[in-house]
C-alpha atoms as a PDB file:
ATOM      1  CA  UNK A   1      79.339  38.616 181.513  1.00  0.00           C
ATOM      2  CA  UNK A   2      83.132  38.554 181.429  1.00  0.00           C
ATOM      3  CA  UNK A   3      84.774  35.339 180.400  1.00  0.00           C
ATOM      4  CA  UNK A   4      86.199  33.335 183.287  1.00  0.00           C
ATOM      5  CA  UNK A   5      89.985  33.595 183.470  1.00  0.00           C
ATOM      6  CA  UNK A   6      91.735  30.513 182.136  1.00  0.00           C
ATOM      7  CA  UNK A   7      94.826  29.406 183.988  1.00  0.00           C
ATOM      8  CA  UNK A   8      97.537  27.229 182.485  1.00  0.00           C
ATOM      9  CA  UNK A   9      98.210  23.830 184.041  1.00  0.00           C
ATOM     10  CA  UNK A  10     101.436  21.906 183.476  1.00  0.00           C
ATOM     11  CA  UNK A  11     101.616  18.288 184.681  1.00  0.00           C
ATOM     12  CA  UNK A  12     105.094  16.929 185.339  1.00  0.00           C
ATOM     13  CA  UNK A  13     105.053  13.222 186.178  1.00  0.00           C
ATOM     14  CA  UNK A  14     107.718  10.595 186.608  1.00  0.00           C
ATOM     15  CA  UNK A  15     109.336   8.105 188.963  1.00  0.00           C
ATOM     16  CA  UNK A  16     111.037   8.871 192.259  1.00  0.00           C
ATOM     17  CA  UNK A  17     114.403  10.585 191.893  1.00  0.00           C
ATOM     18  CA  UNK A  18     113.891  11.786 188.314  1.00  0.00           C
ATOM     19  CA  UNK A  19     114.487  15.398 189.384  1.00  0.00           C
ATOM     20  CA  UNK A  20     110.865  16.478 188.975  1.00  0.00           C
ATOM     21  CA  UNK A  21     110.711  18.711 192.049  1.00  0.00           C
ATOM     22  CA  UNK A  22     113.879  20.695 191.398  1.00  0.00           C
ATOM     23  CA  UNK A  23     113.180  21.129 187.699  1.00  0.00           C
ATOM     24  CA  UNK A  24     109.505  21.998 188.242  1.00  0.00           C
ATOM     25  CA  UNK A  25     110.358  24.518 190.975  1.00  0.00           C
ATOM     26  CA  UNK A  26     112.973  26.267 188.835  1.00  0.00           C
ATOM     27  CA  UNK A  27     110.798  26.233 185.705  1.00  0.00           C
ATOM     28  CA  UNK A  28     107.845  27.647 187.657  1.00  0.00           C
ATOM     29  CA  UNK A  29     110.015  30.441 189.044  1.00  0.00           C
ATOM     30  CA  UNK A  30     111.221  31.374 185.570  1.00  0.00           C
ATOM     31  CA  UNK A  31     107.686  31.372 184.145  1.00  0.00           C
ATOM     32  CA  UNK A  32     106.051  33.076 187.127  1.00  0.00           C
ATOM     33  CA  UNK A  33     103.853  30.014 187.745  1.00  0.00           C
ATOM     34  CA  UNK A  34     102.922  28.485 191.088  1.00  0.00           C
ATOM     35  CA  UNK A  35     104.881  25.307 191.830  1.00  0.00           C
ATOM     36  CA  UNK A  36     102.929  22.517 193.514  1.00  0.00           C
ATOM     37  CA  UNK A  37     104.919  19.561 194.863  1.00  0.00           C
ATOM     38  CA  UNK A  38     102.202  16.934 195.340  1.00  0.00           C
ATOM     39  CA  UNK A  39     104.732  14.469 196.714  1.00  0.00           C
ATOM     40  CA  UNK A  40     105.174  16.778 199.707  1.00  0.00           C
ATOM     41  CA  UNK A  41     101.415  16.756 200.266  1.00  0.00           C
ATOM     42  CA  UNK A  42     101.361  12.947 200.390  1.00  0.00           C
ATOM     43  CA  UNK A  43     104.458  12.962 202.567  1.00  0.00           C
ATOM     44  CA  UNK A  44     102.586  15.160 205.039  1.00  0.00           C
ATOM     45  CA  UNK A  45      99.954  12.443 205.421  1.00  0.00           C
ATOM     46  CA  UNK A  46     102.678   9.789 205.617  1.00  0.00           C
ATOM     47  CA  UNK A  47     104.475  11.787 208.326  1.00  0.00           C
ATOM     48  CA  UNK A  48     101.277  11.906 210.388  1.00  0.00           C
ATOM     49  CA  UNK A  49     100.795   8.160 209.976  1.00  0.00           C
ATOM     50  CA  UNK A  50     104.409   7.509 210.999  1.00  0.00           C
ATOM     51  CA  UNK A  51     104.200   9.900 213.952  1.00  0.00           C
ATOM     52  CA  UNK A  52     101.029   8.214 215.246  1.00  0.00           C
ATOM     53  CA  UNK A  53     102.600   4.748 214.952  1.00  0.00           C
ATOM     54  CA  UNK A  54      99.975   3.565 212.465  1.00  0.00           C
ATOM     55  CA  UNK A  55     100.790   0.692 210.116  1.00  0.00           C
ATOM     56  CA  UNK A  56     100.970   2.252 206.599  1.00  0.00           C
ATOM     57  CA  UNK A  57      99.803  -1.088 205.163  1.00  0.00           C
ATOM     58  CA  UNK A  58      96.541  -0.850 207.115  1.00  0.00           C
ATOM     59  CA  UNK A  59      94.230   1.244 204.881  1.00  0.00           C
ATOM     60  CA  UNK A  60      91.384   1.305 207.413  1.00  0.00           C
ATOM     61  CA  UNK A  61      93.617   2.688 210.166  1.00  0.00           C
ATOM     62  CA  UNK A  62      95.136   5.280 207.830  1.00  0.00           C
ATOM     63  CA  UNK A  63      91.696   6.338 206.544  1.00  0.00           C
ATOM     64  CA  UNK A  64      90.474   6.748 210.129  1.00  0.00           C
ATOM     65  CA  UNK A  65      93.246   9.308 210.736  1.00  0.00           C
ATOM     66  CA  UNK A  66      92.367  11.550 207.775  1.00  0.00           C
ATOM     67  CA  UNK A  67      89.460  13.492 209.387  1.00  0.00           C
ATOM     68  CA  UNK A  68      91.909  14.669 212.057  1.00  0.00           C
ATOM     69  CA  UNK A  69      94.289  16.205 209.519  1.00  0.00           C
ATOM     70  CA  UNK A  70      94.211  19.746 208.195  1.00  0.00           C
ATOM     71  CA  UNK A  71      96.896  19.976 205.523  1.00  0.00           C
ATOM     72  CA  UNK A  72      97.813  23.373 204.135  1.00  0.00           C
ATOM     73  CA  UNK A  73     100.505  24.797 201.875  1.00  0.00           C
ATOM     74  CA  UNK A  74     102.407  28.030 202.270  1.00  0.00           C
ATOM     75  CA  UNK A  75     105.118  29.731 200.255  1.00  0.00           C
ATOM     76  CA  UNK A  76     108.081  31.535 201.781  1.00  0.00           C
ATOM     77  CA  UNK A  77     109.734  34.649 200.380  1.00  0.00           C
ATOM     78  CA  UNK A  78     112.136  32.294 198.629  1.00  0.00           C
ATOM     79  CA  UNK A  79     109.176  30.756 196.783  1.00  0.00           C
ATOM     80  CA  UNK A  80     109.741  27.376 198.405  1.00  0.00           C
ATOM     81  CA  UNK A  81     106.669  25.335 199.259  1.00  0.00           C
ATOM     82  CA  UNK A  82     106.173  24.753 202.964  1.00  0.00           C
ATOM     83  CA  UNK A  83     103.866  22.071 204.351  1.00  0.00           C
ATOM     84  CA  UNK A  84     101.724  22.392 207.465  1.00  0.00           C
ATOM     85  CA  UNK A  85      99.761  19.713 209.307  1.00  0.00           C
ATOM     86  CA  UNK A  86      97.244  21.085 211.803  1.00  0.00           C
ATOM     87  CA  UNK A  87      99.166  24.365 211.814  1.00  0.00           C
ATOM     88  CA  UNK A  88     102.613  22.828 212.473  1.00  0.00           C
ATOM     89  CA  UNK A  89     105.365  23.320 209.892  1.00  0.00           C
ATOM     90  CA  UNK A  90     106.517  19.815 208.861  1.00  0.00           C
ATOM     91  CA  UNK A  91     108.543  20.841 205.783  1.00  0.00           C
ATOM     92  CA  UNK A  92     111.782  19.341 207.138  1.00  0.00           C
ATOM     93  CA  UNK A  93     110.259  16.320 208.892  1.00  0.00           C
ATOM     94  CA  UNK A  94     108.522  14.969 205.772  1.00  0.00           C
ATOM     95  CA  UNK A  95     111.941  14.409 204.169  1.00  0.00           C
ATOM     96  CA  UNK A  96     113.067  11.914 206.816  1.00  0.00           C
ATOM     97  CA  UNK A  97     114.035   8.504 205.327  1.00  0.00           C
ATOM     98  CA  UNK A  98     111.397   6.788 207.472  1.00  0.00           C
ATOM     99  CA  UNK A  99     108.710   9.038 206.018  1.00  0.00           C
ATOM    100  CA  UNK A 100     109.910   8.300 202.481  1.00  0.00           C
ATOM    101  CA  UNK A 101     109.281   4.602 203.049  1.00  0.00           C
ATOM    102  CA  UNK A 102     105.817   5.323 204.444  1.00  0.00           C
ATOM    103  CA  UNK A 103     104.920   7.712 201.611  1.00  0.00           C
ATOM    104  CA  UNK A 104     104.857   5.099 198.854  1.00  0.00           C
ATOM    105  CA  UNK A 105     102.534   2.834 200.858  1.00  0.00           C
ATOM    106  CA  UNK A 106     100.271   5.583 202.167  1.00  0.00           C
ATOM    107  CA  UNK A 107      99.884   7.221 198.742  1.00  0.00           C
ATOM    108  CA  UNK A 108      98.590   3.944 197.305  1.00  0.00           C
ATOM    109  CA  UNK A 109      95.553   4.005 199.614  1.00  0.00           C
ATOM    110  CA  UNK A 110      92.422   5.116 197.687  1.00  0.00           C
ATOM    111  CA  UNK A 111      91.016   7.030 200.666  1.00  0.00           C
ATOM    112  CA  UNK A 112      94.189   9.121 200.892  1.00  0.00           C
ATOM    113  CA  UNK A 113      94.154   9.954 197.189  1.00  0.00           C
ATOM    114  CA  UNK A 114      90.483  10.926 197.324  1.00  0.00           C
ATOM    115  CA  UNK A 115      91.161  13.038 200.428  1.00  0.00           C
ATOM    116  CA  UNK A 116      93.818  15.087 198.604  1.00  0.00           C
ATOM    117  CA  UNK A 117      92.433  15.136 195.050  1.00  0.00           C
ATOM    118  CA  UNK A 118      90.168  18.198 195.331  1.00  0.00           C
ATOM    119  CA  UNK A 119      92.854  20.119 197.203  1.00  0.00           C
ATOM    120  CA  UNK A 120      95.212  19.678 194.240  1.00  0.00           C
ATOM    121  CA  UNK A 121      92.585  20.472 191.607  1.00  0.00           C
ATOM    122  CA  UNK A 122      91.502  23.565 193.505  1.00  0.00           C
ATOM    123  CA  UNK A 123      95.049  24.952 193.349  1.00  0.00           C
ATOM    124  CA  UNK A 124      95.136  24.497 189.570  1.00  0.00           C
ATOM    125  CA  UNK A 125      91.795  26.299 189.237  1.00  0.00           C
ATOM    126  CA  UNK A 126      93.136  29.434 190.934  1.00  0.00           C
ATOM    127  CA  UNK A 127      96.632  29.875 189.477  1.00  0.00           C
ATOM    128  CA  UNK A 128      98.936  29.035 186.609  1.00  0.00           C
ATOM    129  CA  UNK A 129     100.620  25.925 188.000  1.00  0.00           C
ATOM    130  CA  UNK A 130     103.369  23.442 187.378  1.00  0.00           C
ATOM    131  CA  UNK A 131     102.333  20.418 189.406  1.00  0.00           C
ATOM    132  CA  UNK A 132     104.603  17.426 189.807  1.00  0.00           C
ATOM    133  CA  UNK A 133     103.778  13.927 190.962  1.00  0.00           C
ATOM    134  CA  UNK A 134     103.051  10.485 189.595  1.00  0.00           C
ATOM    135  CA  UNK A 135      99.463  10.714 188.368  1.00  0.00           C
ATOM    136  CA  UNK A 136      98.989  14.410 187.610  1.00  0.00           C
ATOM    137  CA  UNK A 137      98.509  14.033 183.864  1.00  0.00           C
ATOM    138  CA  UNK A 138      96.470  10.833 184.156  1.00  0.00           C
ATOM    139  CA  UNK A 139      94.236  11.433 187.200  1.00  0.00           C
ATOM    140  CA  UNK A 140      94.616  14.761 189.001  1.00  0.00           C
ATOM    141  CA  UNK A 141      94.697  17.082 185.963  1.00  0.00           C
ATOM    142  CA  UNK A 142      93.800  14.938 182.939  1.00  0.00           C
ATOM    143  CA  UNK A 143      92.972  18.116 181.020  1.00  0.00           C
ATOM    144  CA  UNK A 144      96.343  19.779 181.706  1.00  0.00           C
ATOM    145  CA  UNK A 145      97.561  22.075 178.919  1.00  0.00           C
ATOM    146  CA  UNK A 146     101.015  20.483 178.961  1.00  0.00           C
ATOM    147  CA  UNK A 147     101.984  17.006 180.137  1.00  0.00           C
ATOM    148  CA  UNK A 148     105.591  15.920 180.546  1.00  0.00           C
ATOM    149  CA  UNK A 149     106.790  12.536 181.774  1.00  0.00           C
ATOM    150  CA  UNK A 150     110.279  12.999 183.201  1.00  0.00           C
ATOM    151  CA  UNK A 151     112.343   9.885 183.690  1.00  0.00           C
ATOM    152  CA  UNK A 152     115.886   8.530 184.010  1.00  0.00           C
ATOM    153  CA  UNK A 153     117.361   5.077 184.516  1.00  0.00           C
ATOM    154  CA  UNK A 154     117.163   3.628 188.025  1.00  0.00           C
ATOM    155  CA  UNK A 155     120.964   3.534 188.138  1.00  0.00           C
ATOM    156  CA  UNK A 156     121.282   7.216 187.266  1.00  0.00           C
ATOM    157  CA  UNK A 157     118.611   8.203 189.793  1.00  0.00           C
ATOM    158  CA  UNK A 158     120.418   6.180 192.463  1.00  0.00           C
ATOM    159  CA  UNK A 159     123.706   7.944 191.620  1.00  0.00           C
ATOM    160  CA  UNK A 160     122.047  11.345 191.960  1.00  0.00           C
ATOM    161  CA  UNK A 161     120.479  10.391 195.275  1.00  0.00           C
ATOM    162  CA  UNK A 162     123.832   9.004 196.496  1.00  0.00           C
ATOM    163  CA  UNK A 163     125.577  12.305 195.626  1.00  0.00           C
ATOM    164  CA  UNK A 164     122.829  14.398 197.273  1.00  0.00           C
ATOM    165  CA  UNK A 165     122.964  12.432 200.526  1.00  0.00           C
ATOM    166  CA  UNK A 166     126.756  12.574 200.637  1.00  0.00           C
ATOM    167  CA  UNK A 167     126.682  16.361 200.143  1.00  0.00           C
ATOM    168  CA  UNK A 168     124.105  16.634 202.944  1.00  0.00           C
ATOM    169  CA  UNK A 169     126.421  14.737 205.271  1.00  0.00           C
ATOM    170  CA  UNK A 170     124.092  11.713 205.497  1.00  0.00           C
ATOM    171  CA  UNK A 171     125.714   9.205 203.120  1.00  0.00           C
ATOM    172  CA  UNK A 172     124.058   5.893 202.336  1.00  0.00           C
ATOM    173  CA  UNK A 173     125.251   2.824 200.464  1.00  0.00           C
ATOM    174  CA  UNK A 174     124.642   3.112 196.698  1.00  0.00           C
ATOM    175  CA  UNK A 175     123.397  -0.464 196.486  1.00  0.00           C
ATOM    176  CA  UNK A 176     120.796   0.154 199.184  1.00  0.00           C
ATOM    177  CA  UNK A 177     119.627   3.344 197.457  1.00  0.00           C
ATOM    178  CA  UNK A 178     119.276   1.522 194.124  1.00  0.00           C
ATOM    179  CA  UNK A 179     117.206  -1.276 195.677  1.00  0.00           C
ATOM    180  CA  UNK A 180     114.933   1.273 197.387  1.00  0.00           C
ATOM    181  CA  UNK A 181     114.399   3.163 194.116  1.00  0.00           C
ATOM    182  CA  UNK A 182     113.599  -0.024 192.211  1.00  0.00           C
ATOM    183  CA  UNK A 183     111.194  -1.080 194.965  1.00  0.00           C
ATOM    184  CA  UNK A 184     109.518   2.348 194.903  1.00  0.00           C
ATOM    185  CA  UNK A 185     109.200   2.168 191.106  1.00  0.00           C
ATOM    186  CA  UNK A 186     107.533  -1.235 191.319  1.00  0.00           C
ATOM    187  CA  UNK A 187     105.132  -0.163 194.070  1.00  0.00           C
ATOM    188  CA  UNK A 188     104.194   3.075 192.324  1.00  0.00           C
ATOM    189  CA  UNK A 189     103.605   1.471 188.929  1.00  0.00           C
ATOM    190  CA  UNK A 190     101.725  -1.596 190.234  1.00  0.00           C
ATOM    191  CA  UNK A 191      99.349  -0.020 192.741  1.00  0.00           C
ATOM    192  CA  UNK A 192      95.657  -0.402 191.933  1.00  0.00           C
ATOM    193  CA  UNK A 193      94.763   3.243 192.461  1.00  0.00           C
ATOM    194  CA  UNK A 194      96.319   5.831 190.131  1.00  0.00           C
ATOM    195  CA  UNK A 195      99.472   3.900 189.220  1.00  0.00           C
ATOM    196  CA  UNK A 196     102.530   5.682 187.877  1.00  0.00           C
ATOM    197  CA  UNK A 197     102.331   5.711 184.080  1.00  0.00           C
ATOM    198  CA  UNK A 198     102.992   8.038 181.188  1.00  0.00           C
ATOM    199  CA  UNK A 199      99.832   9.745 179.891  1.00  0.00           C
ATOM    200  CA  UNK A 200      99.153   8.989 176.234  1.00  0.00           C
ATOM    201  CA  UNK A 201      99.413  12.686 175.319  1.00  0.00           C
ATOM    202  CA  UNK A 202     102.516  13.411 177.438  1.00  0.00           C
ATOM    203  CA  UNK A 203     105.952  14.301 176.114  1.00  0.00           C
ATOM    204  CA  UNK A 204     108.438  11.772 177.466  1.00  0.00           C
ATOM    205  CA  UNK A 205     111.812  13.190 178.465  1.00  0.00           C
ATOM    206  CA  UNK A 206     114.662  10.914 179.573  1.00  0.00           C
ATOM    207  CA  UNK A 207     117.251  12.905 181.528  1.00  0.00           C
ATOM    208  CA  UNK A 208     119.728  10.050 182.135  1.00  0.00           C
ATOM    209  CA  UNK A 209     122.429  11.740 180.049  1.00  0.00           C
ATOM    210  CA  UNK A 210     121.393  15.347 180.698  1.00  0.00           C
ATOM    211  CA  UNK A 211     122.665  17.802 183.289  1.00  0.00           C
ATOM    212  CA  UNK A 212     120.210  19.647 185.508  1.00  0.00           C
ATOM    213  CA  UNK A 213     120.458  22.805 183.386  1.00  0.00           C
ATOM    214  CA  UNK A 214     119.932  20.842 180.168  1.00  0.00           C
ATOM    215  CA  UNK A 215     116.911  19.070 181.675  1.00  0.00           C
ATOM    216  CA  UNK A 216     115.388  22.329 182.892  1.00  0.00           C
ATOM    217  CA  UNK A 217     115.866  24.026 179.523  1.00  0.00           C
ATOM    218  CA  UNK A 218     114.253  21.077 177.716  1.00  0.00           C
ATOM    219  CA  UNK A 219     111.231  21.242 180.046  1.00  0.00           C
ATOM    220  CA  UNK A 220     110.942  25.023 179.600  1.00  0.00           C
ATOM    221  CA  UNK A 221     111.190  24.643 175.830  1.00  0.00           C
ATOM    222  CA  UNK A 222     108.339  22.099 175.785  1.00  0.00           C
ATOM    223  CA  UNK A 223     106.137  24.283 178.010  1.00  0.00           C
ATOM    224  CA  UNK A 224     106.770  27.483 176.044  1.00  0.00           C
ATOM    225  CA  UNK A 225     106.130  25.787 172.715  1.00  0.00           C
ATOM    226  CA  UNK A 226     102.879  24.176 173.888  1.00  0.00           C
ATOM    227  CA  UNK A 227     101.565  27.322 175.575  1.00  0.00           C
ATOM    228  CA  UNK A 228     102.893  29.711 172.903  1.00  0.00           C
ATOM    229  CA  UNK A 229     104.741  31.771 175.503  1.00  0.00           C
END
């Protein structure tokens, strides 16, 4: 009997605004791995909750919605991950500011995390993946071959977000952005189910003083060294 093919799994965790998605997507492209943005998966649930007018702080009401949702992932020719809810492409809608606020609350609900857990693990069982999120190395893929905890100061993450929004033509006040990031950090790290924390066997990388290219190269270096690529 032939030995079952072993796929590599890279877990990239960290707080909101640390640059996980962009770095993971670019690193995955360079390595020929599948990039899985788990935040987008949770945002898809949050979008559905927001669209239905359900209180994200009501776990029973949110849990009651889950059986109605069929969440799937697709990849365009550009390699970008696209999210679908019941067949509808919601890739753009899940990035709305209102959905961002819902996402932190919805993702803290145990029923939501259980609903999405097997979906995420199944993807890692079928491909070489770089999966980013907040509990990938601690809960979703505790046996990941490489674990990296990507972080940066709240002030630096707020500056990056401020610049991104200004470039997109939707500027927001820096002070408001900073408060939202600090609030998200607190919520994510203090939730009862799968809180944001650095896995004991993860490599911690602070990108506060690094450019995007420097951050990406550091992540690639860690992955290649650990996987002997």
